[in-house]
């Protein structure tokens, strides 16, 4: 197993961030991101699993009776689905709060 905190290298983290950004992962289709996170956590963790919701869970250190720290974040990216209408006209659609979009 690599040394503790090896994942904190700024150069490696920039590279990991670039890899993550390049993965497809809109809500409901996060499989590539889940696989990547599972692989990266396996480099440091004692145990890695994925639950039925797609949460990647990594455990480092004692399993029972010891203090624990949980770190969590969303894995999916924001995405927008669009529909092409037969008449080819643009239509306003809902976007993020404060933004008006026309498709």
Protein backbone atom coordinates (compact mmCIF):
# COMPACT_ATOMS: atom_id res chain seq x y z
CA UNK A 1 0.00 0.00 0.00
CA UNK A 2 1.37 3.51 -0.81
CA UNK A 3 2.37 5.83 1.99
CA UNK A 4 -0.48 7.59 3.84
CA UNK A 5 -1.58 10.87 2.33
CA UNK A 6 0.01 10.04 -1.04
CA UNK A 7 -3.23 11.28 -2.59
CA UNK A 8 -2.51 14.81 -1.34
CA UNK A 9 0.19 15.54 -3.93
CA UNK A 10 -0.98 18.73 -5.74
CA UNK A 11 0.38 17.59 -9.11
CA UNK A 12 -1.36 14.19 -8.82
CA UNK A 13 -4.59 15.79 -7.69
CA UNK A 14 -4.64 18.16 -10.68
CA UNK A 15 -4.15 15.15 -12.95
CA UNK A 16 -6.95 13.26 -11.16
CA UNK A 17 -9.26 16.24 -11.46
CA UNK A 18 -8.58 16.44 -15.21
CA UNK A 19 -9.34 12.71 -15.53
CA UNK A 20 -12.59 13.07 -13.56
CA UNK A 21 -13.75 16.06 -15.60
CA UNK A 22 -13.24 14.06 -18.80
CA UNK A 23 -15.48 11.20 -17.61
CA UNK A 24 -19.15 11.11 -18.58
CA UNK A 25 -21.24 11.30 -15.44
CA UNK A 26 -24.57 13.08 -15.73
CA UNK A 27 -27.12 12.22 -13.07
CA UNK A 28 -28.26 8.61 -13.39
CA UNK A 29 -25.29 7.66 -15.60
CA UNK A 30 -22.33 7.87 -13.20
CA UNK A 31 -20.91 4.37 -13.87
CA UNK A 32 -17.57 5.64 -15.29
CA UNK A 33 -17.08 7.98 -12.32
CA UNK A 34 -17.98 5.22 -9.84
CA UNK A 35 -15.45 2.85 -11.45
CA UNK A 36 -12.74 5.53 -11.39
CA UNK A 37 -13.37 6.44 -7.75
CA UNK A 38 -13.40 2.77 -6.75
CA UNK A 39 -10.06 2.22 -8.48
CA UNK A 40 -8.47 5.31 -6.90
CA UNK A 41 -9.73 4.51 -3.40
CA UNK A 42 -8.44 0.92 -3.72
CA UNK A 43 -4.89 2.34 -3.92
CA UNK A 44 -5.15 3.56 -0.30
CA UNK A 45 -8.10 1.92 1.43
CA UNK A 46 -8.36 -1.36 3.29
CA UNK A 47 -11.80 -2.02 1.85
CA UNK A 48 -13.80 -0.45 -1.01
CA UNK A 49 -17.41 -1.20 -1.89
CA UNK A 50 -20.30 0.28 -3.87
CA UNK A 51 -23.81 0.22 -2.45
CA UNK A 52 -27.07 -0.18 -4.38
CA UNK A 53 -27.36 3.62 -4.83
CA UNK A 54 -23.91 3.87 -6.42
CA UNK A 55 -22.17 5.35 -3.37
CA UNK A 56 -18.49 4.42 -3.26
CA UNK A 57 -17.49 3.53 0.31
CA UNK A 58 -13.82 3.26 1.28
CA UNK A 59 -12.62 2.17 4.71
CA UNK A 60 -9.15 2.86 6.08
CA UNK A 61 -8.02 1.57 9.44
CA UNK A 62 -9.94 -0.13 12.26
CA UNK A 63 -13.47 -1.21 11.43
CA UNK A 64 -15.10 -1.32 14.86
CA UNK A 65 -14.95 0.65 18.07
CA UNK A 66 -12.72 3.45 16.81
CA UNK A 67 -13.52 7.06 15.86
CA UNK A 68 -14.48 7.48 12.22
CA UNK A 69 -14.42 10.33 9.73
CA UNK A 70 -16.77 10.41 6.77
CA UNK A 71 -15.98 12.40 3.62
CA UNK A 72 -18.66 12.62 0.97
CA UNK A 73 -19.39 14.47 -2.25
CA UNK A 74 -21.65 14.19 -5.26
CA UNK A 75 -20.14 12.35 -8.21
CA UNK A 76 -22.52 13.31 -10.97
CA UNK A 77 -22.07 16.29 -13.22
CA UNK A 78 -24.82 18.72 -14.10
CA UNK A 79 -26.36 18.00 -17.45
CA UNK A 80 -29.23 19.10 -19.63
CA UNK A 81 -31.35 16.96 -21.87
CA UNK A 82 -32.82 18.61 -24.92
CA UNK A 83 -35.54 17.68 -27.36
CA UNK A 84 -35.57 18.50 -31.06
CA UNK A 85 -39.03 19.63 -32.12
CA UNK A 86 -40.36 18.84 -35.57
CA UNK A 87 -40.95 22.53 -36.34
CA UNK A 88 -37.28 23.39 -35.48
CA UNK A 89 -38.36 26.39 -33.35
CA UNK A 90 -36.48 27.39 -30.21
CA UNK A 91 -38.27 27.04 -26.90
CA UNK A 92 -37.42 28.45 -23.47
CA UNK A 93 -36.59 25.83 -20.89
CA UNK A 94 -35.77 25.68 -17.21
CA UNK A 95 -32.13 25.90 -16.23
CA UNK A 96 -30.19 26.67 -13.12
CA UNK A 97 -31.75 29.35 -10.91
CA UNK A 98 -30.98 32.79 -12.31
CA UNK A 99 -30.24 31.53 -15.82
CA UNK A 100 -32.63 31.61 -18.76
CA UNK A 101 -31.91 29.17 -21.52
CA UNK A 102 -33.37 28.77 -24.97
CA UNK A 103 -33.16 25.47 -26.81
